[in-house]
Protein backbone atom coordinates (compact mmCIF):
# COMPACT_ATOMS: atom_id res chain seq x y z
CA MET A 1 107.60 74.42 56.01
CA SER A 2 108.58 77.95 55.08
CA GLY A 3 104.95 79.03 55.25
CA LEU A 4 102.53 80.55 52.77
CA HIS A 5 103.01 84.28 52.31
CA SER A 6 99.88 86.16 51.31
CA SER A 7 99.52 89.77 50.23
CA VAL A 8 97.55 92.24 52.30
CA GLU A 9 94.82 92.08 49.63
CA GLU A 10 94.59 88.27 49.81
CA PHE A 11 94.60 88.56 53.59
CA GLN A 12 91.32 90.49 53.70
CA ASP A 13 89.04 87.48 54.22
CA PRO A 14 90.42 84.29 55.80
CA LEU A 15 87.69 81.97 54.53
CA VAL A 16 88.02 83.21 50.94
CA TYR A 17 91.78 82.79 51.13
CA LEU A 18 91.55 79.32 52.63
CA GLN A 19 89.12 78.22 49.93
CA MET A 20 91.69 79.39 47.39
CA ILE A 21 94.58 77.37 48.81
CA ALA A 22 92.60 74.32 49.98
CA PRO A 23 92.87 72.16 46.82
CA GLU A 24 96.64 71.94 47.20
CA ALA A 25 97.21 72.61 50.89
CA SER A 26 94.71 70.01 52.09
CA LYS A 27 96.84 67.27 50.53
CA TYR A 28 99.20 67.62 53.48
CA GLY A 29 96.60 67.78 56.23
CA PHE A 30 97.73 71.19 57.44
CA CYS A 31 99.59 74.28 56.30
CA LYS A 32 101.34 77.28 57.81
CA LEU A 33 100.50 80.87 56.91
CA VAL A 34 102.76 83.82 57.67
CA SER A 35 100.56 86.80 58.51
CA PRO A 36 101.31 90.00 56.55
CA VAL A 37 99.67 91.98 59.37
CA SER A 38 101.18 92.25 62.85
CA ALA A 39 99.59 93.00 66.19
CA SER A 40 100.48 96.39 67.66
CA VAL A 41 99.37 95.32 71.14
CA PRO A 42 101.35 92.28 72.38
CA ALA A 43 99.49 89.29 73.76
CA GLY A 44 101.14 89.73 77.15
CA VAL A 45 99.78 93.25 77.40
CA VAL A 46 96.31 92.05 76.45
CA LEU A 47 96.33 89.29 79.05
CA MET A 48 97.88 91.35 81.84
CA LYS A 49 96.14 94.71 81.27
CA GLU A 50 92.95 94.16 79.29
CA LYS A 51 92.29 90.98 81.33
CA ALA A 52 93.99 92.05 84.55
CA GLY A 53 93.87 89.57 87.41
CA SER A 54 92.73 86.60 85.33
CA LYS A 55 94.15 83.23 86.31
CA PHE A 56 94.10 79.74 84.83
CA THR A 57 94.75 76.18 85.97
CA THR A 58 97.29 74.01 84.19
CA ARG A 59 97.07 70.38 83.14
CA VAL A 60 99.86 67.97 84.10
CA GLN A 61 101.21 65.92 81.19
CA PRO A 62 103.38 62.84 81.89
CA LEU A 63 106.29 62.65 79.46
CA ARG A 64 105.84 59.06 78.30
CA LEU A 65 105.25 57.20 75.07
CA ALA A 66 101.68 56.09 74.42
CA GLU A 67 102.29 52.34 74.49
CA TRP A 68 99.87 51.46 77.23
CA ASP A 69 97.61 48.60 78.12
CA SER A 70 94.56 48.44 80.34
CA VAL A 71 96.59 48.52 83.58
CA ASP A 72 99.13 51.11 82.43
CA LYS A 73 97.07 53.96 81.02
CA VAL A 74 98.61 57.41 81.37
CA THR A 75 96.19 60.15 82.35
CA PHE A 76 96.55 63.89 81.93
CA PHE A 77 95.16 65.62 85.00
CA MET A 78 94.60 69.09 86.42
CA SER A 79 97.47 70.39 88.55
CA GLY A 80 95.35 72.32 91.01
CA ARG A 81 97.78 75.25 90.69
CA ASN A 82 96.53 78.66 89.57
CA TYR A 83 98.74 80.95 87.52
CA THR A 84 98.65 84.40 86.09
CA PHE A 85 100.16 84.76 82.63
CA ARG A 86 103.37 86.35 83.98
CA TYR A 87 103.77 83.88 86.83
CA PHE A 88 103.49 80.92 84.45
CA GLU A 89 105.98 82.60 82.10
CA LYS A 90 108.51 82.97 84.93
CA MET A 91 108.06 79.35 86.00
CA ALA A 92 108.42 78.07 82.41
CA ASN A 93 111.50 80.17 81.62
CA LYS A 94 113.16 79.12 84.86
CA SER A 95 112.59 75.46 83.98
CA PHE A 96 114.08 76.00 80.51
CA SER A 97 117.19 77.86 81.71
CA ARG A 98 117.80 75.27 84.44
CA ARG A 99 118.01 72.56 81.76
CA TYR A 100 119.81 74.36 78.93
CA TYR A 101 121.60 77.28 80.63
CA SER A 102 120.02 79.45 77.95
CA ALA A 103 117.17 81.92 77.56
CA GLY A 104 115.76 80.01 74.60
CA CYS A 105 115.89 80.11 70.78
CA LEU A 106 117.68 76.78 70.41
CA PRO A 107 117.60 75.15 66.92
CA PRO A 108 114.31 73.38 66.07
CA SER A 109 116.01 70.12 65.03
CA PHE A 110 117.87 70.01 68.36
CA MET A 111 114.67 70.60 70.31
CA GLU A 112 112.89 67.89 68.34
CA LYS A 113 115.54 65.31 69.16
CA GLU A 114 115.54 66.38 72.79
CA PHE A 115 111.77 66.02 73.02
CA TRP A 116 111.57 62.47 71.67
CA HIS A 117 114.57 61.39 73.74
CA GLU A 118 112.85 62.76 76.85
CA ILE A 119 109.59 61.03 75.94
CA ALA A 120 111.35 57.68 75.48
CA CYS A 121 113.84 57.62 78.32
CA GLY A 122 114.30 61.05 79.88
CA LYS A 123 114.32 62.16 83.50
CA ILE A 124 111.59 64.80 83.38
CA GLU A 125 108.49 63.14 84.80
CA SER A 126 105.92 65.68 83.70
CA VAL A 127 105.28 69.20 82.44
CA GLU A 128 102.42 71.65 82.80
CA TYR A 129 100.25 72.95 79.98
CA ALA A 130 97.56 75.60 80.24
CA CYS A 131 95.28 74.30 77.51
CA ASP A 132 91.65 75.04 76.68
CA ILE A 133 91.64 78.35 78.53
CA ASP A 134 88.58 80.48 77.76
CA GLY A 135 89.54 83.81 76.28
CA SER A 136 91.56 85.51 73.58
CA ALA A 137 94.85 87.41 73.39
CA PHE A 138 93.80 89.44 70.34
CA SER A 139 93.51 93.09 71.32
CA SER A 140 90.18 94.91 71.29
CA SER A 141 91.94 98.19 70.54
CA PRO A 142 90.63 99.83 67.34
CA SER A 143 94.22 100.81 66.52
CA ASP A 144 95.51 97.22 66.48
CA PRO A 145 95.62 96.15 62.79
CA LEU A 146 95.48 92.41 63.48
CA GLY A 147 92.86 92.71 66.20
CA LYS A 148 90.48 94.65 63.98
CA SER A 149 91.02 92.36 60.97
CA ARG A 150 88.93 89.33 60.08
CA TRP A 151 91.87 87.15 61.12
CA ASN A 152 91.09 87.95 64.73
CA LEU A 153 89.96 84.49 65.82
CA LYS A 154 87.15 85.98 67.92
CA LYS A 155 85.45 86.96 64.65
CA LEU A 156 86.08 83.91 62.50
CA SER A 157 83.00 81.79 63.27
CA ARG A 158 80.63 84.66 62.42
CA LEU A 159 82.06 85.58 59.04
CA PRO A 160 79.59 85.47 56.08
CA LYS A 161 80.98 82.25 54.57
CA SER A 162 81.27 80.45 57.89
CA ILE A 163 78.90 77.51 58.42
CA LEU A 164 79.16 77.96 62.19
CA ARG A 165 77.55 81.41 61.97
CA LEU A 166 74.23 79.52 61.84
CA LEU A 167 74.59 78.20 65.39
CA GLU A 168 72.21 79.85 67.81
CA THR A 169 74.56 79.45 70.78
CA SER A 170 78.33 79.73 71.06
CA ILE A 171 80.51 76.70 71.86
CA PRO A 172 83.77 77.38 73.76
CA GLY A 173 86.75 76.16 71.79
CA VAL A 174 84.64 75.60 68.67
CA THR A 175 83.03 78.94 67.84
CA GLU A 176 84.85 80.90 70.55
CA PRO A 177 88.67 80.75 70.68
CA MET A 178 90.67 79.30 73.53
CA LEU A 179 94.19 80.03 74.72
CA TYR A 180 97.04 77.52 74.94
CA ILE A 181 99.95 78.59 77.15
CA GLY A 182 102.85 76.14 77.13
CA MET A 183 106.31 75.49 78.47
CA LEU A 184 109.26 73.33 77.43
CA PHE A 185 107.93 70.02 76.01
CA SER A 186 104.25 70.69 76.75
CA MET A 187 102.44 68.79 74.05
CA PHE A 188 99.24 68.26 72.15
CA ALA A 189 98.72 64.55 71.53
CA TRP A 190 97.57 62.96 68.28
CA HIS A 191 93.97 63.96 67.67
CA VAL A 192 91.45 65.04 65.09
CA GLU A 193 89.18 68.04 65.55
CA ASP A 194 85.66 67.58 66.93
CA HIS A 195 83.21 66.75 64.12
CA TYR A 196 86.18 66.75 61.71
CA LEU A 197 86.07 70.55 61.63
CA TYR A 198 88.81 72.79 60.34
CA SER A 199 90.99 74.46 62.96
CA ILE A 200 93.11 77.59 62.90
CA ASN A 201 95.87 78.28 65.43
CA TYR A 202 97.66 81.61 65.86
CA HIS A 203 101.04 81.83 67.62
CA HIS A 204 100.98 85.03 69.69
CA CYS A 205 104.40 84.97 71.36
CA GLY A 206 107.24 82.91 72.79
CA ALA A 207 109.12 79.81 71.70
CA ALA A 208 108.26 77.87 68.56
CA LYS A 209 106.05 74.79 68.25
CA THR A 210 106.72 71.71 66.15
CA TRP A 211 103.65 70.32 64.39
CA TYR A 212 103.15 66.88 62.84
CA GLY A 213 100.18 66.09 60.62
CA ILE A 214 98.78 63.53 58.21
CA PRO A 215 96.39 64.10 55.28
CA GLY A 216 92.69 63.54 55.89
CA PRO A 217 92.47 60.63 53.40
CA ALA A 218 94.98 58.70 55.54
CA ALA A 219 92.85 58.94 58.71
CA LEU A 220 91.48 55.39 58.62
CA ASP A 221 94.94 53.95 57.98
CA PHE A 222 96.27 56.08 60.84
CA GLU A 223 93.63 54.65 63.17
CA LYS A 224 94.50 51.14 62.01
CA VAL A 225 98.16 51.67 62.96
CA VAL A 226 97.10 52.96 66.39
CA ARG A 227 94.85 49.93 66.85
CA GLU A 228 97.39 47.35 65.73
CA HIS A 229 100.78 48.78 66.67
CA VAL A 230 100.39 51.31 69.51
CA TYR A 231 97.85 49.94 71.98
CA THR A 232 97.02 46.47 73.18
CA GLN A 233 93.52 45.25 72.36
CA GLU A 234 92.48 45.30 76.01
CA ILE A 235 92.38 49.08 76.05
CA PHE A 236 89.63 49.35 73.41
CA SER A 237 86.02 49.39 74.58
CA SER A 238 84.71 49.34 70.99
CA GLU A 239 85.53 46.83 68.28
CA GLY A 240 86.77 47.49 64.78
CA GLU A 241 88.00 50.77 63.37
CA ASP A 242 85.94 52.81 65.83
CA GLY A 243 87.87 51.42 68.79
CA ALA A 244 90.99 53.44 68.00
CA PHE A 245 88.89 56.48 67.09
CA GLU A 246 87.28 56.40 70.54
CA VAL A 247 90.63 56.18 72.35
CA LEU A 248 92.08 59.00 70.23
CA LEU A 249 89.16 61.23 71.21
CA GLY A 250 90.74 61.30 74.67
CA LYS A 251 93.68 63.29 73.25
CA THR A 252 96.30 61.46 75.32
CA ALA A 253 97.97 59.34 72.61
CA LEU A 254 101.49 60.48 71.80
CA PHE A 255 103.96 58.44 69.76
CA PRO A 256 106.74 59.42 67.34
CA PRO A 257 106.10 59.82 63.60
CA LYS A 258 108.46 56.92 62.88
CA VAL A 259 105.68 54.53 63.96
CA LEU A 260 103.52 55.89 61.15
CA LEU A 261 106.32 55.99 58.59
CA GLU A 262 107.08 52.34 59.24
CA HIS A 263 103.56 51.54 58.09
CA ASP A 264 103.52 53.83 55.05
CA ILE A 265 101.44 56.62 56.58
CA PRO A 266 102.52 60.00 55.13
CA VAL A 267 103.57 62.47 57.83
CA TYR A 268 104.40 66.15 57.41
CA LYS A 269 106.14 68.57 59.77
CA ALA A 270 106.20 72.33 60.35
CA VAL A 271 107.72 74.69 62.89
CA GLN A 272 105.35 77.49 63.91
CA LYS A 273 106.76 80.80 65.14
CA PRO A 274 105.12 83.96 66.53
CA GLY A 275 103.00 85.76 63.97
CA GLU A 276 102.15 82.56 62.07
CA TYR A 277 98.88 80.67 61.63
CA VAL A 278 98.56 76.91 61.29
CA ILE A 279 95.41 75.63 59.59
CA THR A 280 94.40 71.97 59.91
CA PHE A 281 92.00 70.49 57.37
CA PRO A 282 89.03 68.19 58.09
CA ARG A 283 89.84 64.71 59.38
CA ALA A 284 93.58 65.42 59.48
CA TYR A 285 95.18 63.98 62.61
CA HIS A 286 97.90 66.18 64.12
CA ALA A 287 100.17 66.43 67.15
CA GLY A 288 103.08 68.53 68.38
CA PHE A 289 105.03 70.10 71.22
CA SER A 290 106.41 73.44 72.46
CA HIS A 291 110.09 74.43 72.45
CA GLY A 292 109.63 76.58 75.54
CA PHE A 293 107.25 79.14 77.01
CA ASN A 294 104.70 80.31 74.45
CA CYS A 295 101.13 81.47 73.98
CA GLY A 296 98.83 80.39 71.17
CA GLU A 297 95.15 80.64 70.39
CA ALA A 298 92.87 78.36 68.39
CA VAL A 299 89.31 78.04 67.18
CA ASN A 300 87.39 75.76 64.82
CA PHE A 301 85.56 76.73 61.66
CA ALA A 302 83.77 75.16 58.72
CA VAL A 303 83.06 76.04 55.10
CA GLY A 304 80.93 74.26 52.52
CA ASP A 305 83.21 71.31 51.82
CA TRP A 306 83.04 70.26 55.48
CA PHE A 307 79.48 68.86 55.24
CA PRO A 308 80.38 65.35 54.00
CA LEU A 309 83.00 64.88 56.67
CA GLY A 310 80.71 66.30 59.32
CA THR A 311 78.20 63.63 58.34
CA ILE A 312 80.81 60.91 58.80
CA ALA A 313 81.77 62.28 62.21
CA SER A 314 78.13 62.41 63.34
CA ARG A 315 77.62 58.81 62.35
CA ARG A 316 80.77 57.69 64.17
CA TYR A 317 79.67 59.55 67.30
CA ALA A 318 76.31 57.79 67.09
CA LEU A 319 77.98 54.39 66.79
CA LEU A 320 79.93 55.22 69.96
CA ASN A 321 76.83 56.68 71.64
CA ARG A 322 78.54 60.05 72.11
CA THR A 323 76.53 63.26 72.32
CA PRO A 324 77.47 65.53 69.40
CA LEU A 325 78.79 69.04 69.96
CA LEU A 326 77.26 70.36 66.76
CA PRO A 327 73.74 70.01 65.31
CA GLN A 328 75.14 68.92 61.95
CA GLU A 329 71.76 68.24 60.35
CA GLU A 330 70.46 71.64 61.43
CA LEU A 331 73.47 73.43 59.97
CA LEU A 332 73.12 71.55 56.71
CA CYS A 333 69.43 72.35 56.32
CA LYS A 334 69.77 76.01 57.26
CA GLU A 335 72.65 76.53 54.84
CA ALA A 336 70.75 74.81 52.06
CA MET A 337 67.69 76.98 52.59
CA LEU A 338 69.74 80.18 52.67
CA LEU A 339 71.51 79.21 49.49
CA GLY A 340 68.23 78.32 47.85
CA ALA A 341 66.89 81.77 48.67
CA SER A 342 70.10 83.43 47.48
CA VAL A 343 69.74 81.82 44.06
CA GLU A 344 66.18 83.13 43.70
CA LEU A 345 67.28 86.62 44.78
CA GLU A 346 70.52 86.46 42.79
CA ASP A 347 72.34 87.47 45.96
CA PRO A 348 75.81 88.76 44.96
CA GLU A 349 77.25 87.64 48.31
CA TYR A 350 77.07 84.04 47.06
CA THR A 351 79.41 83.43 44.16
CA TYR A 352 79.18 80.52 41.75
CA GLN A 353 81.96 78.85 43.72
CA ASP A 354 79.88 79.04 46.90
CA LEU A 355 76.91 77.45 45.16
CA ILE A 356 79.06 74.62 43.82
CA CYS A 357 80.40 73.96 47.32
CA GLN A 358 76.89 73.78 48.76
CA HIS A 359 75.07 71.58 46.25
CA ARG A 360 75.70 68.71 48.64
CA ALA A 361 73.47 70.40 51.23
CA ARG A 362 70.59 70.78 48.80
CA TRP A 363 70.74 67.15 47.76
CA CYS A 364 70.61 66.11 51.40
CA VAL A 365 67.48 68.20 51.90
CA MET A 366 65.98 66.35 48.93
CA GLN A 367 65.95 63.18 51.02
CA LEU A 368 63.50 64.61 53.53
CA ASN A 369 60.32 64.34 51.43
CA GLU A 370 59.34 61.01 53.00
CA CYS A 371 58.93 62.51 56.47
CA ILE A 372 55.65 64.46 56.15
CA ASP A 373 53.16 63.10 58.67
CA VAL A 374 51.08 63.58 61.83
CA SER A 375 52.47 66.59 63.74
CA SER A 376 54.76 69.56 63.23
CA PHE A 377 57.24 71.51 65.32
CA SER A 378 59.37 74.64 65.04
CA HIS A 379 61.95 74.18 67.78
CA GLY A 380 65.61 73.37 67.19
CA THR A 381 67.60 70.16 67.25
CA ILE A 382 66.50 67.15 69.31
CA ILE A 383 68.98 64.47 70.44
CA CYS A 384 67.97 60.86 69.84
CA SER A 385 67.64 59.11 73.19
CA LEU A 386 68.96 55.85 71.73
CA CYS A 387 72.04 56.78 69.67
CA LYS A 388 72.38 60.50 70.51
CA ARG A 389 72.16 61.45 66.83
CA ASP A 390 71.01 65.03 66.25
CA CYS A 391 67.54 65.39 64.70
CA TYR A 392 66.47 68.65 63.13
CA VAL A 393 64.03 67.76 60.37
CA ALA A 394 62.04 64.94 61.92
CA TYR A 395 61.96 62.59 64.88
CA LEU A 396 59.67 60.09 66.59
CA ASN A 397 57.92 60.84 69.86
CA CYS A 398 57.05 58.22 72.45
CA ARG A 399 53.89 58.29 74.56
CA CYS A 400 55.53 60.15 77.46
CA TYR A 401 57.68 62.41 75.27
CA LEU A 402 60.80 61.37 77.18
CA HIS A 403 62.34 59.11 74.53
CA PRO A 404 62.68 60.98 71.22
CA LEU A 405 64.16 58.78 68.51
CA CYS A 406 65.74 59.52 65.16
CA LEU A 407 64.41 57.81 62.05
CA ARG A 408 67.46 55.60 61.60
CA HIS A 409 66.25 52.86 63.93
CA ASP A 410 64.07 49.82 63.32
CA ILE A 411 61.06 50.99 65.32
CA LYS A 412 59.51 47.52 65.54
CA SER A 413 62.52 46.20 67.42
CA ILE A 414 62.45 48.95 70.08
CA ASP A 415 60.62 48.20 73.31
CA LEU A 416 59.93 51.33 75.36
CA ASN A 417 58.53 51.20 78.90
CA CYS A 418 56.02 53.92 78.18
CA GLY A 419 54.20 51.91 75.54
CA GLY A 420 55.96 52.73 72.33
CA ILE A 421 56.04 55.28 69.53
CA LEU A 422 52.91 57.30 68.74
CA THR A 423 53.93 60.41 66.84
CA LEU A 424 56.11 61.31 63.91
CA SER A 425 57.06 64.97 64.18
CA VAL A 426 58.39 67.00 61.27
CA ARG A 427 59.38 70.63 60.91
CA GLU A 428 56.75 73.19 60.02
CA ASP A 429 58.81 74.30 57.04
CA ILE A 430 59.28 70.82 55.60
CA LEU A 431 57.41 71.78 52.42
CA ASP A 432 59.78 74.69 51.85
CA MET A 433 62.71 72.32 52.25
CA GLU A 434 61.22 69.92 49.75
CA GLY A 435 60.61 72.77 47.33
CA THR A 436 64.22 73.84 47.55
CA ALA A 437 65.35 70.27 47.01
CA ARG A 438 63.15 69.85 43.93
CA GLN A 439 64.40 73.15 42.58
CA PHE A 440 67.95 71.85 42.45
CA GLU A 441 66.98 68.33 41.49
CA GLN A 442 65.72 69.77 38.23
CA GLU A 443 69.06 71.34 37.39
CA GLU A 444 70.44 69.33 34.49
CA SER A 445 73.99 70.41 35.33
CA MET A 446 73.61 68.97 38.79
CA SER A 447 72.70 65.51 37.53
CA LEU A 448 75.73 65.48 35.27
CA GLU A 449 77.94 66.75 38.06
CA VAL A 450 76.77 64.04 40.45
CA GLU A 451 77.46 61.28 37.92
CA GLN A 452 80.95 62.64 37.29
CA CYS A 453 81.55 62.83 41.00
CA CYS A 454 80.61 59.18 41.50
CA ARG A 455 83.14 58.15 38.89
CA LYS A 456 85.86 60.22 40.56
CA ARG A 457 85.08 58.97 44.04
CA THR A 458 85.70 55.36 43.03
CA GLN A 459 89.33 56.43 42.54
CA THR A 460 89.80 58.22 45.86
CA SER A 461 90.61 57.06 49.37
CA TYR A 462 87.69 58.70 51.19
CA CYS A 463 84.81 56.78 52.69
CA TYR A 464 81.48 58.60 53.01
CA TYR A 465 78.39 57.53 54.86
CA ASP A 466 74.78 57.92 53.90
CA SER A 467 72.92 60.83 55.47
CA GLY A 468 69.36 59.72 54.71
CA PHE A 469 66.98 58.83 57.49
CA GLY A 470 66.36 55.22 56.66
CA SER A 471 69.77 53.94 55.65
CA SER A 472 73.26 53.46 56.98
CA SER A 473 74.80 52.08 53.82
CA LEU A 474 78.34 52.84 52.74
CA MET A 475 79.49 54.51 49.56
CA SER A 476 82.17 52.51 47.78
CA THR A 477 85.74 53.70 47.26
CA GLU A 478 89.15 52.09 47.05
CA ASN A 479 89.73 52.47 50.77
CA PRO A 480 90.27 49.04 52.33
CA HIS A 481 87.63 49.83 54.94
CA CYS A 482 85.02 50.45 52.26
CA ASN A 483 83.16 48.38 49.74
CA THR A 484 84.82 48.99 46.36
CA ASP A 485 82.37 47.33 43.98
CA GLU A 486 81.13 50.10 41.69
CA HIS A 487 78.10 48.06 40.65
CA LYS A 488 76.73 48.44 44.18
CA VAL A 489 75.84 52.06 43.34
CA PRO A 490 73.73 51.17 40.27
CA ASN A 491 71.69 54.33 39.77
CA MET A 492 73.79 57.42 40.27
CA LYS A 493 70.89 59.87 40.47
CA ASN A 494 69.14 57.84 43.15
CA GLN A 495 72.14 57.87 45.48
CA MET A 496 72.11 61.57 46.34
CA SER A 497 72.32 60.93 50.05
CA GLN A 498 75.70 59.30 49.46
CA LEU A 499 77.10 62.21 47.50
CA LEU A 500 77.92 64.80 50.12
CA SER A 501 81.55 64.32 49.20
CA ARG A 502 81.71 65.37 45.61
CA HIS A 503 83.44 68.79 45.61
CA ILE A 504 86.72 70.24 46.74
CA VAL A 505 86.45 73.94 47.55
CA GLY A 506 88.12 76.40 45.25
CA ASN A 507 90.29 75.80 42.23
CA SER A 508 91.64 79.23 41.47
CA SER A 509 95.19 78.88 42.73
CA GLU A 510 97.86 76.30 43.27
CA VAL A 511 100.31 76.19 46.13
CA SER A 512 103.68 74.59 45.73
CA LYS A 513 104.32 71.45 47.69
CA ALA A 514 107.32 72.96 49.42
CA SER A 515 105.28 75.89 50.72
CA CYS A 516 102.75 73.77 52.56
CA SER A 517 104.59 71.18 54.63
CA GLU A 518 107.67 69.06 54.31
CA TYR A 519 107.33 65.34 53.96
CA ILE A 520 108.95 63.59 56.90
CA GLY A 521 111.49 60.99 55.94
CA SER A 522 111.16 57.99 53.69
CA HIS A 523 109.05 54.87 54.07
CA SER A 524 112.04 52.72 54.94
CA LYS A 525 112.05 50.68 58.12
CA ILE A 526 113.06 52.72 61.16
CA SER A 527 114.57 51.44 64.37
CA HIS A 528 112.35 51.42 67.44
CA CYS A 529 115.27 52.32 69.72
CA LEU A 530 115.16 55.84 71.10
CA ALA A 531 117.42 55.08 74.03
CA THR A 532 120.53 57.04 73.06
CA ARG A 533 121.22 60.36 71.38
CA SER A 534 124.61 59.27 70.10
CA THR A 535 123.06 57.76 66.97
CA ILE A 536 121.21 60.94 65.98
CA THR A 537 122.54 62.58 62.84
CA GLU A 538 123.03 66.32 63.12
CA GLU A 539 121.08 68.34 60.55
CA SER A 540 121.20 71.87 59.27
CA ASP A 541 119.09 74.48 61.04
CA ASP A 542 119.16 76.98 58.19
CA SER A 543 115.37 76.71 57.85
CA ASP A 544 112.54 75.93 60.20
CA SER A 545 111.77 72.55 58.70
CA GLU A 546 113.70 69.37 58.23
CA ILE A 547 113.14 65.86 57.00
CA CYS A 548 112.54 63.78 60.09
CA ASN A 549 115.44 61.42 60.61
CA SER A 550 115.17 57.77 61.47
CA GLU A 551 115.52 58.27 65.20
CA LEU A 552 112.30 60.25 65.64
């Protein structure tokens, strides 16, 4: 990937720019952006002077392939060693020079082959990686052009078009950036972002990183390969497609892209250098490794088209009984109400494109009209005590108020020690929500748009879950994990809760395929043997991307 080059004018607002490139760039799962603005205060200066005396603890990463069973499960663990930024840099550079008799800057293709050889049969037992470190290396100096721009990752979650600006509290690593300080072969295993959020990673300084990624629509097929060809069945605590998803949430699964290529999963590769951003799109699995000492920074974000995928993630968390990080329902309702008000006020901050992106939120609010009853509340999100689903609009209270339940359960089948359910609680502003929903339900253009979307979605590979309170049905697509019978969605206008997925953000610009990511290899069968380097074909290093050869 040569990277997208934007002008200073395009660079003004990251979320506007990303909406512009998303229709094309999202096809590859991730893209690289070369910043037209540089930092005048280096990251090392920020970390050593502006944050003088700060230390961090590294995580030990065993250099092994992820082909484990229940009695051979590799675990990443804390090293117990505390480093300053400079001390870690000295340790990492010493380790690199001891191996390669060089100060760094070796060709990316060479480093890639070295990494996978070491993972398969090398002598290095482990490396250290300072990941998920609270803080930022963007300068607070008013004279630093990058630090004072909107591309400073400390500012991203609070930008006007950011969905996460609606959160009442910050979440480290999600709304607040974290630092990632690596050394030779430190890695980030195959994973997808929490709640299928977007992520943005800035490379502050040091050696390059190689990234691998797959498109979001291939996520279920990716998980199927992990379930059937990477792990043994004994390692899964959950059955079906969610078993692999649960294991991958641990972020310890690393295996070469050849495993995916052998099973027709598209994989793309990019080499990230200092001064470059990498953006991952919702539900796009990705992995990678460092070529030597480096420092990066990352944070999550969301724009309007994230809502359908956020709904899927929330449902999968509930099936696994995992507590969500984000109050997805609360974000959806708040954004819908703000957009409803902006239409009435003709707020110029919300363009037509924004409104198109957020129609899904309004239609979800329309489903809430059946929940008016008994008592009201004004507090924030409640977590269901049974499935840990987040409840913002309505929930059921038990007699002792210790077992709140969402409205997705069969109440008659639940036996609570305190005597059962007594109260249905709904938000005080439920009537306002219903009014907003009806307002957009009456839009003739919306009805037509929804019907067109349903027709399009039967030809895509996404699978979207219902977000209504009383149903967990599945919307049909061609994905093998989904029901594909179109007749099972008989009345398009009555299936609004299944239509969170109908828009792709932006359509004002196209990005060439070559500028996003480079497709790795062909779909031909690839040998499993990684034991020797003698069979590796040398490739040109004239650019920072190559087609992955059959040995990787």
